[in-house]
Every structure is written in C-alpha cells, then in structure tokens.
Amino acid sequence: MILSATNAPTVTDSSSTKANASTDPAAAQDRFLKLLVAQLNNQDPMNPLDNAQMTSQIAQINTVTGIQQLNQTMQSMASQFNSLQVMQGTALVGRNVLTEGSSLAVADKAGKGGFELGSAATNVKIEVTTAGGQVVDTIDLGAKAAGRHTFDWDASQYTGSTEGLQFRVTAVNGSTKLDSTALNLAKVTAAGAEDGQLVLSLSNGKTINYSQIKALV
C-alpha cells in the first residue's frame, strides 16, 4: 500500500508527551488537585482529613510548582544567553587574538608572537626554533616593562619550512632570570557555544574558551 501525504498516519512522540507532562507545572498542579478531590470524596466521614494536613499538602504543591516554573525560566534564560554569546562571538571572527602558547604565526615572510612579563626586564631574548627544538634565529628585544608585549620576526632569510615553528622567551633583570609566559597569535575563524560557554575556533586548529583570550591584536 502506498501512503500519500493526505492519508499518511499521524505519529505522536509519546516520550516527548510524557516528558512535557512530568515537567509542566500546570499539569503537576492539575494532577495534585485531582488527587486531593479524590481524597476528599473518599475520606472516612468519621475521620475526616485534618485541615492542617490539607494546608501542608497545598503549600508543598505550590512550592514544587514554583520550583518547576523557576527551572523553566532559568533554562529559557540560559538558552537566550547562549545565543547572545554566539552573536557577540561572531564579532571576533577575523580578529587576531593572543592566547597562551609558543607557536609562531608566520605569513608573508613575517612571524608574529607575544609574551607576558610579571615584572620589568633589563633584557628580553626570543629564540625561534623548529618543532624539534633547533634554534634558527634569535631576536634581542632589549629592556621591556612588566606586562604584555608582541614581537615581529623577519622570516625572509629563512629557507626552511615555517610549519611548526616555535619560540622561546628568555627575560632577565640583571643576572636574575624572570618568569615569562609565551603567547601565540592566531586568527578567530568561528564562534559557537559549548556547555554554556563561548568557544572560538582559531586558524592554528585550536579551540579555546573566550576566557582564554589574553588580548585582541
């Protein structure tokens, strides 16, 4: 038998209907009232339902109904917040960002990266290395103040593959070595939401949370 659009059977998703009935505050309150009426109709006339007990039951169903309504409201707000986050994230698509990492971004024979210093340095040195750790060039940046900085590397004289190039930061104050954090530069290619968090896809293949961005460049 061939079914056309006009005589096709209607299929009802019973699992969805049951889920809605169990979470809908109005349905829960209706079930309670039916049970309460049945309890009143079938109570022992010689031992009627205690008024205090009835009042307690009504207060309990009101509390449960209020919690269910609050949960539904919060779920709706969370969904709207996720959508708003994604809309805001799309404004970052195409922008360059700094995140923790030591990968060197190279384009048009120029490398770019960044670093963060906890305190002022009398000298900062950048070593450009291959993925295997071989140093291919060194950049002396001189004195730098505490905070976040970027640097450029002239790759025009480098004849090897730029894929997988890394960099190391060495910062000193006199003879004291300072702590530093390497920051890699990448372009945001897409934005989305995951577990209520705004996530960004980067041109270097990484996916990060918005909170992991150190700076826009």
N, C-alpha and C. Protein backbone atom coordinates (compact mmCIF):
# COMPACT_ATOMS: atom_id res chain seq x y z
N MET A 1 0.85 -1.19 0.00
CA MET A 1 0.00 0.00 0.00
C MET A 1 0.88 1.23 0.00
N ILE A 2 0.57 2.22 -0.82
CA ILE A 2 1.33 3.47 -0.91
C ILE A 2 0.57 4.54 -0.14
N LEU A 3 1.26 5.19 0.76
CA LEU A 3 0.63 6.25 1.55
C LEU A 3 0.99 7.60 0.97
N SER A 4 -0.01 8.40 0.73
CA SER A 4 0.23 9.76 0.25
C SER A 4 0.27 10.70 1.43
N ALA A 5 0.57 11.98 1.17
CA ALA A 5 0.64 12.97 2.24
C ALA A 5 -0.71 13.17 2.90
N THR A 6 -1.82 12.85 2.15
CA THR A 6 -3.16 13.10 2.69
C THR A 6 -3.64 11.99 3.59
N ASN A 7 -3.15 10.72 3.37
CA ASN A 7 -3.63 9.63 4.20
C ASN A 7 -2.54 9.01 5.05
N ALA A 8 -1.39 9.71 5.16
CA ALA A 8 -0.30 9.19 5.99
C ALA A 8 -0.72 9.23 7.45
N PRO A 9 -0.37 8.18 8.21
CA PRO A 9 -0.76 8.15 9.63
C PRO A 9 -0.02 9.20 10.41
N THR A 10 -0.68 9.69 11.44
CA THR A 10 -0.07 10.68 12.32
C THR A 10 0.70 9.96 13.42
N VAL A 11 1.95 10.33 13.62
CA VAL A 11 2.79 9.69 14.63
C VAL A 11 2.98 10.67 15.77
N THR A 12 2.70 10.22 16.97
CA THR A 12 2.85 11.06 18.16
C THR A 12 4.04 10.58 18.96
N ASP A 13 4.91 11.48 19.33
CA ASP A 13 6.08 11.15 20.15
C ASP A 13 5.64 11.04 21.59
N SER A 14 5.37 9.80 22.02
CA SER A 14 4.84 9.58 23.37
C SER A 14 5.86 9.95 24.43
N SER A 15 7.16 9.70 24.15
CA SER A 15 8.19 10.02 25.14
C SER A 15 8.24 11.51 25.39
N SER A 16 8.09 12.32 24.31
CA SER A 16 8.10 13.77 24.46
C SER A 16 6.88 14.24 25.22
N THR A 17 5.71 13.61 24.94
CA THR A 17 4.48 13.98 25.62
C THR A 17 4.58 13.69 27.11
N LYS A 18 5.17 12.52 27.43
CA LYS A 18 5.32 12.16 28.84
C LYS A 18 6.28 13.11 29.54
N ALA A 19 7.35 13.48 28.84
CA ALA A 19 8.34 14.39 29.45
C ALA A 19 7.71 15.74 29.73
N ASN A 20 6.88 16.22 28.77
CA ASN A 20 6.23 17.52 28.98
C ASN A 20 5.25 17.46 30.14
N ALA A 21 4.53 16.35 30.23
CA ALA A 21 3.53 16.21 31.29
C ALA A 21 4.18 16.16 32.66
N SER A 22 5.39 15.58 32.73
CA SER A 22 6.05 15.44 34.03
C SER A 22 6.74 16.71 34.47
N THR A 23 7.04 17.61 33.52
CA THR A 23 7.76 18.83 33.87
C THR A 23 6.89 20.07 33.79
N ASP A 24 5.69 19.98 33.22
CA ASP A 24 4.81 21.14 33.10
C ASP A 24 4.18 21.45 34.46
N PRO A 25 4.43 22.64 35.02
CA PRO A 25 3.87 22.97 36.34
C PRO A 25 2.36 22.91 36.38
N ALA A 26 1.69 23.34 35.30
CA ALA A 26 0.22 23.32 35.27
C ALA A 26 -0.28 21.89 35.34
N ALA A 27 0.38 20.97 34.62
CA ALA A 27 -0.04 19.57 34.63
C ALA A 27 0.16 18.96 36.02
N ALA A 28 1.29 19.32 36.66
CA ALA A 28 1.55 18.79 38.00
C ALA A 28 0.50 19.29 39.00
N GLN A 29 0.15 20.56 38.90
CA GLN A 29 -0.85 21.12 39.80
C GLN A 29 -2.22 20.49 39.56
N ASP A 30 -2.55 20.21 38.28
CA ASP A 30 -3.83 19.58 37.94
C ASP A 30 -3.90 18.17 38.52
N ARG A 31 -2.78 17.43 38.43
CA ARG A 31 -2.76 16.08 38.99
C ARG A 31 -2.96 16.12 40.52
N PHE A 32 -2.32 17.10 41.16
CA PHE A 32 -2.46 17.22 42.61
C PHE A 32 -3.91 17.52 43.00
N LEU A 33 -4.53 18.45 42.27
CA LEU A 33 -5.91 18.81 42.61
C LEU A 33 -6.85 17.62 42.41
N LYS A 34 -6.63 16.84 41.36
CA LYS A 34 -7.48 15.66 41.13
C LYS A 34 -7.30 14.65 42.27
N LEU A 35 -6.04 14.47 42.70
CA LEU A 35 -5.80 13.54 43.81
C LEU A 35 -6.43 14.06 45.10
N LEU A 36 -6.36 15.37 45.32
CA LEU A 36 -6.93 15.96 46.53
C LEU A 36 -8.45 15.81 46.54
N VAL A 37 -9.09 16.06 45.38
CA VAL A 37 -10.54 15.91 45.30
C VAL A 37 -10.94 14.45 45.53
N ALA A 38 -10.16 13.52 44.93
CA ALA A 38 -10.46 12.10 45.13
C ALA A 38 -10.29 11.72 46.59
N GLN A 39 -9.26 12.29 47.24
CA GLN A 39 -9.04 12.01 48.65
C GLN A 39 -10.19 12.53 49.51
N LEU A 40 -10.70 13.73 49.16
CA LEU A 40 -11.83 14.30 49.92
C LEU A 40 -13.10 13.50 49.70
N ASN A 41 -13.31 13.05 48.46
CA ASN A 41 -14.53 12.28 48.15
C ASN A 41 -14.54 10.93 48.84
N ASN A 42 -13.34 10.38 49.09
CA ASN A 42 -13.27 9.03 49.63
C ASN A 42 -12.81 9.00 51.09
N GLN A 43 -12.81 10.15 51.73
CA GLN A 43 -12.37 10.18 53.13
C GLN A 43 -13.43 9.56 54.03
N ASP A 44 -12.97 9.09 55.16
CA ASP A 44 -13.85 8.48 56.16
C ASP A 44 -14.62 9.60 56.86
N PRO A 45 -15.97 9.63 56.76
CA PRO A 45 -16.74 10.70 57.42
C PRO A 45 -16.50 10.77 58.93
N MET A 46 -16.16 9.60 59.51
CA MET A 46 -15.90 9.57 60.94
C MET A 46 -14.48 10.05 61.28
N ASN A 47 -13.65 10.12 60.26
CA ASN A 47 -12.25 10.55 60.49
C ASN A 47 -11.83 11.43 59.31
N PRO A 48 -12.41 12.63 59.19
CA PRO A 48 -12.15 13.48 58.02
C PRO A 48 -10.69 13.96 57.98
N LEU A 49 -10.31 14.40 56.79
CA LEU A 49 -8.93 14.89 56.58
C LEU A 49 -8.67 16.11 57.45
N ASP A 50 -7.53 16.09 58.12
CA ASP A 50 -7.16 17.18 59.01
C ASP A 50 -6.87 18.45 58.20
N ASN A 51 -7.42 19.60 58.65
CA ASN A 51 -7.22 20.85 57.93
C ASN A 51 -5.75 21.23 57.83
N ALA A 52 -5.01 21.02 58.90
CA ALA A 52 -3.58 21.36 58.88
C ALA A 52 -2.83 20.52 57.86
N GLN A 53 -3.22 19.22 57.78
CA GLN A 53 -2.56 18.35 56.80
C GLN A 53 -2.88 18.78 55.37
N MET A 54 -4.13 19.18 55.13
CA MET A 54 -4.51 19.64 53.79
C MET A 54 -3.75 20.91 53.43
N THR A 55 -3.67 21.84 54.40
CA THR A 55 -2.95 23.10 54.16
C THR A 55 -1.48 22.82 53.85
N SER A 56 -0.89 21.86 54.56
CA SER A 56 0.52 21.49 54.33
C SER A 56 0.71 20.92 52.93
N GLN A 57 -0.21 20.08 52.48
CA GLN A 57 -0.11 19.50 51.15
C GLN A 57 -0.22 20.57 50.06
N ILE A 58 -1.16 21.51 50.26
CA ILE A 58 -1.31 22.59 49.28
C ILE A 58 -0.05 23.44 49.21
N ALA A 59 0.54 23.72 50.39
CA ALA A 59 1.77 24.51 50.42
C ALA A 59 2.90 23.78 49.71
N GLN A 60 2.96 22.45 49.87
CA GLN A 60 4.02 21.67 49.23
C GLN A 60 3.89 21.69 47.72
N ILE A 61 2.66 21.52 47.19
CA ILE A 61 2.49 21.52 45.73
C ILE A 61 2.78 22.90 45.17
N ASN A 62 2.43 23.95 45.91
CA ASN A 62 2.75 25.31 45.45
C ASN A 62 4.26 25.51 45.38
N THR A 63 4.98 24.96 46.36
CA THR A 63 6.44 25.08 46.36
C THR A 63 7.04 24.34 45.18
N VAL A 64 6.57 23.11 44.94
CA VAL A 64 7.08 22.32 43.81
C VAL A 64 6.78 23.00 42.49
N THR A 65 5.56 23.52 42.36
CA THR A 65 5.17 24.20 41.12
C THR A 65 6.04 25.43 40.88
N GLY A 66 6.29 26.18 41.98
CA GLY A 66 7.14 27.37 41.85
C GLY A 66 8.55 27.02 41.42
N ILE A 67 9.10 25.92 41.97
CA ILE A 67 10.45 25.49 41.60
C ILE A 67 10.50 25.08 40.13
N GLN A 68 9.47 24.35 39.67
CA GLN A 68 9.43 23.93 38.27
C GLN A 68 9.35 25.13 37.34
N GLN A 69 8.54 26.10 37.71
CA GLN A 69 8.43 27.31 36.89
C GLN A 69 9.75 28.07 36.87
N LEU A 70 10.43 28.11 38.02
CA LEU A 70 11.73 28.78 38.08
C LEU A 70 12.75 28.06 37.21
N ASN A 71 12.74 26.73 37.24
CA ASN A 71 13.67 25.95 36.41
C ASN A 71 13.44 26.23 34.92
N GLN A 72 12.16 26.27 34.53
CA GLN A 72 11.85 26.54 33.13
C GLN A 72 12.31 27.94 32.73
N THR A 73 12.11 28.90 33.63
CA THR A 73 12.55 30.27 33.34
C THR A 73 14.06 30.34 33.20
N MET A 74 14.79 29.67 34.10
CA MET A 74 16.25 29.68 34.05
C MET A 74 16.76 28.98 32.79
N GLN A 75 16.11 27.88 32.38
CA GLN A 75 16.51 27.19 31.16
C GLN A 75 16.32 28.09 29.95
N SER A 76 15.21 28.84 29.94
CA SER A 76 14.96 29.76 28.83
C SER A 76 15.99 30.88 28.81
N MET A 77 16.32 31.40 29.99
CA MET A 77 17.32 32.47 30.08
C MET A 77 18.69 31.97 29.64
N ALA A 78 19.04 30.72 30.03
CA ALA A 78 20.33 30.15 29.66
C ALA A 78 20.43 29.98 28.15
N SER A 79 19.32 29.55 27.52
CA SER A 79 19.31 29.39 26.07
C SER A 79 19.49 30.73 25.37
N GLN A 80 18.79 31.76 25.88
CA GLN A 80 18.92 33.10 25.30
C GLN A 80 20.33 33.66 25.50
N PHE A 81 20.93 33.37 26.67
CA PHE A 81 22.28 33.84 26.95
C PHE A 81 23.28 33.18 26.00
N ASN A 82 23.10 31.87 25.74
CA ASN A 82 23.99 31.18 24.81
C ASN A 82 23.91 31.80 23.42
N SER A 83 22.69 32.11 22.98
CA SER A 83 22.52 32.72 21.66
C SER A 83 23.18 34.09 21.61
N LEU A 84 23.03 34.86 22.70
CA LEU A 84 23.65 36.18 22.77
C LEU A 84 25.17 36.07 22.74
N GLN A 85 25.71 35.07 23.45
CA GLN A 85 27.16 34.87 23.46
C GLN A 85 27.69 34.58 22.05
N VAL A 86 26.98 33.71 21.34
CA VAL A 86 27.42 33.35 19.98
C VAL A 86 27.38 34.58 19.07
N MET A 87 26.32 35.40 19.22
CA MET A 87 26.23 36.62 18.41
C MET A 87 27.40 37.55 18.70
N GLN A 88 27.76 37.68 19.98
CA GLN A 88 28.89 38.51 20.34
C GLN A 88 30.19 37.91 19.83
N GLY A 89 30.28 36.56 19.87
CA GLY A 89 31.48 35.89 19.40
C GLY A 89 31.73 36.06 17.92
N THR A 90 30.65 36.18 17.14
CA THR A 90 30.83 36.35 15.69
C THR A 90 31.53 37.66 15.36
N ALA A 91 31.46 38.63 16.28
CA ALA A 91 32.15 39.91 16.06
C ALA A 91 33.66 39.73 16.12
N LEU A 92 34.11 38.61 16.72
CA LEU A 92 35.55 38.36 16.82
C LEU A 92 36.10 37.61 15.62
N VAL A 93 35.22 37.05 14.80
CA VAL A 93 35.68 36.29 13.63
C VAL A 93 36.48 37.22 12.71
N GLY A 94 37.68 36.77 12.36
CA GLY A 94 38.57 37.57 11.53
C GLY A 94 39.55 38.40 12.33
N ARG A 95 39.35 38.47 13.66
CA ARG A 95 40.27 39.23 14.52
C ARG A 95 41.41 38.33 14.99
N ASN A 96 42.58 38.94 15.21
CA ASN A 96 43.72 38.22 15.77
C ASN A 96 43.68 38.31 17.29
N VAL A 97 43.98 37.18 17.94
CA VAL A 97 43.97 37.14 19.40
C VAL A 97 45.26 36.51 19.90
N LEU A 98 45.62 36.87 21.13
CA LEU A 98 46.77 36.28 21.80
C LEU A 98 46.27 35.31 22.85
N THR A 99 46.78 34.08 22.82
CA THR A 99 46.46 33.07 23.83
C THR A 99 47.77 32.42 24.28
N GLU A 100 47.72 31.74 25.41
CA GLU A 100 48.94 31.08 25.89
C GLU A 100 49.39 30.01 24.91
N GLY A 101 50.68 30.01 24.59
CA GLY A 101 51.24 29.04 23.66
C GLY A 101 52.48 29.60 23.01
N SER A 102 53.30 28.71 22.48
CA SER A 102 54.58 29.13 21.91
C SER A 102 54.68 28.89 20.41
N SER A 103 53.55 28.69 19.74
CA SER A 103 53.57 28.53 18.29
C SER A 103 53.80 29.89 17.64
N LEU A 104 54.63 29.91 16.60
CA LEU A 104 54.93 31.16 15.90
C LEU A 104 54.08 31.26 14.65
N ALA A 105 53.28 32.31 14.54
CA ALA A 105 52.45 32.51 13.35
C ALA A 105 53.28 33.20 12.28
N VAL A 106 53.38 32.57 11.11
CA VAL A 106 54.19 33.11 10.02
C VAL A 106 53.32 33.29 8.79
N ALA A 107 53.35 34.50 8.23
CA ALA A 107 52.60 34.80 7.00
C ALA A 107 53.34 35.91 6.26
N ASP A 108 53.43 35.75 4.94
CA ASP A 108 54.10 36.76 4.11
C ASP A 108 55.51 37.07 4.62
N LYS A 109 56.24 35.99 4.93
CA LYS A 109 57.65 36.08 5.37
C LYS A 109 57.83 36.93 6.63
N ALA A 110 56.82 36.92 7.48
CA ALA A 110 56.91 37.64 8.75
C ALA A 110 56.27 36.79 9.84
N GLY A 111 57.02 36.65 10.95
CA GLY A 111 56.50 35.89 12.07
C GLY A 111 56.03 36.83 13.18
N LYS A 112 54.99 36.41 13.88
CA LYS A 112 54.45 37.23 14.97
C LYS A 112 54.15 36.37 16.18
N GLY A 113 54.41 36.94 17.36
CA GLY A 113 54.11 36.25 18.61
C GLY A 113 54.03 37.27 19.73
N GLY A 114 53.93 36.78 20.94
CA GLY A 114 53.84 37.68 22.08
C GLY A 114 54.33 37.02 23.34
N PHE A 115 54.39 37.79 24.40
CA PHE A 115 54.81 37.26 25.69
C PHE A 115 54.31 38.21 26.79
N GLU A 116 54.30 37.69 28.00
CA GLU A 116 53.86 38.48 29.14
C GLU A 116 54.91 38.39 30.25
N LEU A 117 55.25 39.53 30.82
CA LEU A 117 56.24 39.60 31.88
C LEU A 117 55.57 40.00 33.19
N GLY A 118 55.93 39.31 34.27
CA GLY A 118 55.39 39.65 35.58
C GLY A 118 56.05 40.87 36.18
N SER A 119 57.28 41.17 35.75
CA SER A 119 58.00 42.34 36.24
C SER A 119 58.92 42.85 35.15
N ALA A 120 59.42 44.07 35.32
CA ALA A 120 60.26 44.69 34.29
C ALA A 120 61.54 43.90 34.07
N ALA A 121 61.98 43.85 32.80
CA ALA A 121 63.18 43.12 32.43
C ALA A 121 64.20 44.08 31.82
N THR A 122 65.47 43.86 32.14
CA THR A 122 66.52 44.67 31.52
C THR A 122 66.86 44.16 30.13
N ASN A 123 66.51 42.90 29.85
CA ASN A 123 66.74 42.36 28.51
C ASN A 123 65.80 41.18 28.26
N VAL A 124 65.24 41.14 27.05
CA VAL A 124 64.37 40.04 26.64
C VAL A 124 64.92 39.48 25.33
N LYS A 125 65.02 38.15 25.27
CA LYS A 125 65.52 37.48 24.07
C LYS A 125 64.50 36.46 23.59
N ILE A 126 64.25 36.46 22.29
CA ILE A 126 63.34 35.49 21.67
C ILE A 126 64.17 34.55 20.80
N GLU A 127 64.01 33.24 21.02
CA GLU A 127 64.67 32.25 20.18
C GLU A 127 63.61 31.55 19.33
N VAL A 128 63.76 31.63 18.02
CA VAL A 128 62.86 30.94 17.09
C VAL A 128 63.42 29.55 16.86
N THR A 129 62.60 28.54 17.05
CA THR A 129 63.07 27.15 16.94
C THR A 129 62.17 26.33 16.02
N THR A 130 62.72 25.23 15.56
CA THR A 130 61.91 24.26 14.82
C THR A 130 61.09 23.46 15.83
N ALA A 131 60.20 22.60 15.33
CA ALA A 131 59.39 21.77 16.21
C ALA A 131 60.27 20.85 17.05
N GLY A 132 61.46 20.52 16.53
CA GLY A 132 62.37 19.64 17.25
C GLY A 132 63.26 20.37 18.25
N GLY A 133 63.16 21.72 18.31
CA GLY A 133 63.94 22.47 19.28
C GLY A 133 65.20 23.11 18.75
N GLN A 134 65.50 22.95 17.45
CA GLN A 134 66.70 23.57 16.88
C GLN A 134 66.49 25.07 16.70
N VAL A 135 67.42 25.88 17.23
CA VAL A 135 67.32 27.34 17.13
C VAL A 135 67.68 27.78 15.71
N VAL A 136 66.78 28.55 15.08
CA VAL A 136 67.02 29.01 13.72
C VAL A 136 67.28 30.51 13.67
N ASP A 137 66.91 31.23 14.73
CA ASP A 137 67.18 32.66 14.77
C ASP A 137 66.97 33.17 16.19
N THR A 138 67.59 34.31 16.50
CA THR A 138 67.47 34.93 17.82
C THR A 138 67.13 36.41 17.65
N ILE A 139 66.19 36.88 18.47
CA ILE A 139 65.78 38.28 18.42
C ILE A 139 66.06 38.91 19.78
N ASP A 140 66.86 39.96 19.81
CA ASP A 140 67.12 40.69 21.05
C ASP A 140 66.18 41.90 21.11
N LEU A 141 65.33 41.92 22.11
CA LEU A 141 64.34 42.99 22.25
C LEU A 141 64.75 44.07 23.24
N GLY A 142 65.82 43.84 23.99
CA GLY A 142 66.26 44.83 24.96
C GLY A 142 65.36 44.88 26.18
N ALA A 143 65.35 46.03 26.84
CA ALA A 143 64.57 46.19 28.07
C ALA A 143 63.07 46.28 27.76
N LYS A 144 62.27 45.66 28.61
CA LYS A 144 60.81 45.68 28.46
C LYS A 144 60.16 45.86 29.83
N ALA A 145 59.09 46.62 29.85
CA ALA A 145 58.35 46.82 31.10
C ALA A 145 57.49 45.60 31.41
N ALA A 146 57.03 45.52 32.63
CA ALA A 146 56.11 44.44 33.00
C ALA A 146 54.83 44.57 32.19
N GLY A 147 54.26 43.43 31.84
CA GLY A 147 53.01 43.46 31.07
C GLY A 147 53.10 42.60 29.82
N ARG A 148 52.19 42.89 28.88
CA ARG A 148 52.04 42.10 27.66
C ARG A 148 52.70 42.80 26.49
N HIS A 149 53.43 42.03 25.67
CA HIS A 149 54.14 42.60 24.53
C HIS A 149 54.01 41.68 23.32
N THR A 150 54.18 42.24 22.13
CA THR A 150 54.24 41.46 20.90
C THR A 150 55.59 41.69 20.24
N PHE A 151 55.95 40.81 19.33
CA PHE A 151 57.21 40.96 18.59
C PHE A 151 57.01 40.48 17.16
N ASP A 152 57.88 40.94 16.26
CA ASP A 152 57.87 40.53 14.86
C ASP A 152 59.20 39.87 14.53
N TRP A 153 59.15 38.88 13.66
CA TRP A 153 60.36 38.19 13.21
C TRP A 153 60.42 38.23 11.69
N ASP A 154 61.54 38.71 11.16
CA ASP A 154 61.75 38.76 9.71
C ASP A 154 62.14 37.36 9.23
N ALA A 155 61.21 36.70 8.54
CA ALA A 155 61.45 35.33 8.08
C ALA A 155 61.91 35.28 6.63
N SER A 156 62.24 36.43 6.05
CA SER A 156 62.61 36.46 4.62
C SER A 156 63.89 35.69 4.33
N GLN A 157 64.79 35.59 5.32
CA GLN A 157 66.06 34.89 5.10
C GLN A 157 65.97 33.42 5.49
N TYR A 158 64.85 33.01 6.04
CA TYR A 158 64.71 31.61 6.47
C TYR A 158 64.23 30.76 5.30
N THR A 159 64.99 29.70 4.99
CA THR A 159 64.69 28.87 3.82
C THR A 159 63.98 27.56 4.17
N GLY A 160 63.86 27.27 5.46
CA GLY A 160 63.20 26.03 5.86
C GLY A 160 61.68 26.17 5.88
N SER A 161 61.04 25.10 6.30
CA SER A 161 59.57 25.11 6.40
C SER A 161 59.15 25.90 7.63
N THR A 162 58.15 26.73 7.45
CA THR A 162 57.64 27.53 8.57
C THR A 162 56.57 26.78 9.37
N GLU A 163 56.19 25.59 8.91
CA GLU A 163 55.20 24.80 9.64
C GLU A 163 55.80 24.30 10.95
N GLY A 164 55.12 24.52 12.02
CA GLY A 164 55.55 24.01 13.32
C GLY A 164 56.61 24.83 14.02
N LEU A 165 56.93 26.01 13.50
CA LEU A 165 57.92 26.84 14.17
C LEU A 165 57.42 27.27 15.55
N GLN A 166 58.35 27.29 16.51
CA GLN A 166 58.04 27.68 17.88
C GLN A 166 58.96 28.83 18.30
N PHE A 167 58.73 29.36 19.50
CA PHE A 167 59.65 30.35 20.02
C PHE A 167 59.77 30.22 21.54
N ARG A 168 60.93 30.62 22.04
CA ARG A 168 61.19 30.62 23.48
C ARG A 168 61.49 32.04 23.93
N VAL A 169 61.03 32.38 25.12
CA VAL A 169 61.25 33.72 25.68
C VAL A 169 62.19 33.60 26.87
N THR A 170 63.26 34.40 26.86
CA THR A 170 64.17 34.47 28.00
C THR A 170 64.22 35.93 28.46
N ALA A 171 63.79 36.17 29.68
CA ALA A 171 63.76 37.53 30.22
C ALA A 171 64.60 37.57 31.50
N VAL A 172 65.42 38.60 31.62
CA VAL A 172 66.27 38.74 32.81
C VAL A 172 66.21 40.17 33.33
N ASN A 173 66.46 40.29 34.60
CA ASN A 173 66.64 41.60 35.23
C ASN A 173 68.03 41.56 35.85
N GLY A 174 69.00 42.13 35.15
CA GLY A 174 70.39 41.98 35.57
C GLY A 174 70.81 40.54 35.35
N SER A 175 71.16 39.86 36.42
CA SER A 175 71.55 38.45 36.33
C SER A 175 70.43 37.52 36.79
N THR A 176 69.28 38.10 37.12
CA THR A 176 68.15 37.30 37.62
C THR A 176 67.19 36.96 36.49
N LYS A 177 66.95 35.68 36.31
CA LYS A 177 66.00 35.25 35.28
C LYS A 177 64.58 35.47 35.76
N LEU A 178 63.75 36.01 34.89
CA LEU A 178 62.36 36.31 35.25
C LEU A 178 61.39 35.31 34.63
N ASP A 179 60.27 35.15 35.30
CA ASP A 179 59.21 34.32 34.74
C ASP A 179 58.53 35.05 33.58
N SER A 180 58.23 34.32 32.54
CA SER A 180 57.53 34.91 31.38
C SER A 180 56.57 33.88 30.81
N THR A 181 55.56 34.36 30.13
CA THR A 181 54.56 33.50 29.50
C THR A 181 54.54 33.76 28.01
N ALA A 182 54.76 32.71 27.23
CA ALA A 182 54.71 32.84 25.77
C ALA A 182 53.26 32.92 25.31
N LEU A 183 53.00 33.79 24.34
CA LEU A 183 51.65 33.98 23.80
C LEU A 183 51.70 33.82 22.28
N ASN A 184 50.86 32.92 21.77
CA ASN A 184 50.83 32.77 20.32
C ASN A 184 49.69 33.59 19.70
N LEU A 185 49.92 34.01 18.48
CA LEU A 185 48.96 34.84 17.75
C LEU A 185 48.20 33.97 16.77
N ALA A 186 46.89 34.09 16.74
CA ALA A 186 46.07 33.32 15.81
C ALA A 186 44.82 34.12 15.47
N LYS A 187 44.23 33.79 14.33
CA LYS A 187 43.01 34.47 13.88
C LYS A 187 41.79 33.64 14.26
N VAL A 188 40.74 34.31 14.72
CA VAL A 188 39.48 33.63 15.05
C VAL A 188 38.75 33.32 13.75
N THR A 189 38.40 32.04 13.57
CA THR A 189 37.74 31.62 12.33
C THR A 189 36.26 31.28 12.52
N ALA A 190 35.85 30.98 13.76
CA ALA A 190 34.44 30.65 14.01
C ALA A 190 34.14 30.79 15.49
N ALA A 191 32.86 30.97 15.80
CA ALA A 191 32.41 31.10 17.19
C ALA A 191 31.21 30.20 17.43
N GLY A 192 31.12 29.66 18.63
CA GLY A 192 29.99 28.79 18.97
C GLY A 192 29.84 28.71 20.48
N ALA A 193 28.90 27.88 20.94
CA ALA A 193 28.66 27.70 22.37
C ALA A 193 28.78 26.23 22.71
N GLU A 194 29.37 25.95 23.87
CA GLU A 194 29.54 24.58 24.32
C GLU A 194 29.44 24.55 25.84
N ASP A 195 28.49 23.78 26.36
CA ASP A 195 28.26 23.69 27.80
C ASP A 195 28.08 25.08 28.43
N GLY A 196 27.37 25.95 27.74
CA GLY A 196 27.10 27.28 28.27
C GLY A 196 28.26 28.24 28.17
N GLN A 197 29.33 27.85 27.49
CA GLN A 197 30.50 28.70 27.35
C GLN A 197 30.70 29.08 25.89
N LEU A 198 31.16 30.33 25.67
CA LEU A 198 31.50 30.77 24.33
C LEU A 198 32.84 30.17 23.94
N VAL A 199 32.87 29.44 22.82
CA VAL A 199 34.11 28.83 22.35
C VAL A 199 34.46 29.40 20.97
N LEU A 200 35.75 29.52 20.72
CA LEU A 200 36.25 30.11 19.48
C LEU A 200 37.19 29.14 18.78
N SER A 201 37.03 28.99 17.48
CA SER A 201 37.96 28.19 16.67
C SER A 201 39.01 29.13 16.09
N LEU A 202 40.27 28.71 16.15
CA LEU A 202 41.38 29.54 15.70
C LEU A 202 42.01 28.99 14.44
N SER A 203 42.74 29.86 13.75
CA SER A 203 43.38 29.48 12.49
C SER A 203 44.48 28.44 12.68
N ASN A 204 44.99 28.29 13.92
CA ASN A 204 46.03 27.29 14.16
C ASN A 204 45.45 25.92 14.51
N GLY A 205 44.12 25.78 14.39
CA GLY A 205 43.48 24.49 14.64
C GLY A 205 42.99 24.29 16.05
N LYS A 206 43.29 25.22 16.96
CA LYS A 206 42.87 25.08 18.35
C LYS A 206 41.47 25.63 18.56
N THR A 207 40.81 25.10 19.59
CA THR A 207 39.51 25.61 20.03
C THR A 207 39.66 26.04 21.48
N ILE A 208 39.30 27.27 21.78
CA ILE A 208 39.51 27.82 23.12
C ILE A 208 38.22 28.43 23.66
N ASN A 209 38.16 28.57 24.97
CA ASN A 209 37.09 29.33 25.59
C ASN A 209 37.41 30.82 25.49
N TYR A 210 36.39 31.63 25.51
CA TYR A 210 36.59 33.08 25.40
C TYR A 210 37.50 33.58 26.52
N SER A 211 37.39 32.98 27.71
CA SER A 211 38.18 33.43 28.85
C SER A 211 39.67 33.21 28.66
N GLN A 212 40.07 32.39 27.69
CA GLN A 212 41.48 32.09 27.46
C GLN A 212 42.17 33.16 26.60
N ILE A 213 41.40 34.09 26.05
CA ILE A 213 41.99 35.16 25.26
C ILE A 213 42.71 36.13 26.18
N LYS A 214 43.97 36.39 25.87
CA LYS A 214 44.75 37.36 26.65
C LYS A 214 44.59 38.77 26.12
N ALA A 215 44.47 38.89 24.79
CA ALA A 215 44.35 40.23 24.20
C ALA A 215 43.91 40.10 22.75
N LEU A 216 43.26 41.15 22.25
CA LEU A 216 42.95 41.28 20.83
C LEU A 216 44.07 42.10 20.19
N VAL A 217 44.50 41.69 19.01
CA VAL A 217 45.60 42.40 18.34
C VAL A 217 45.10 42.97 17.03
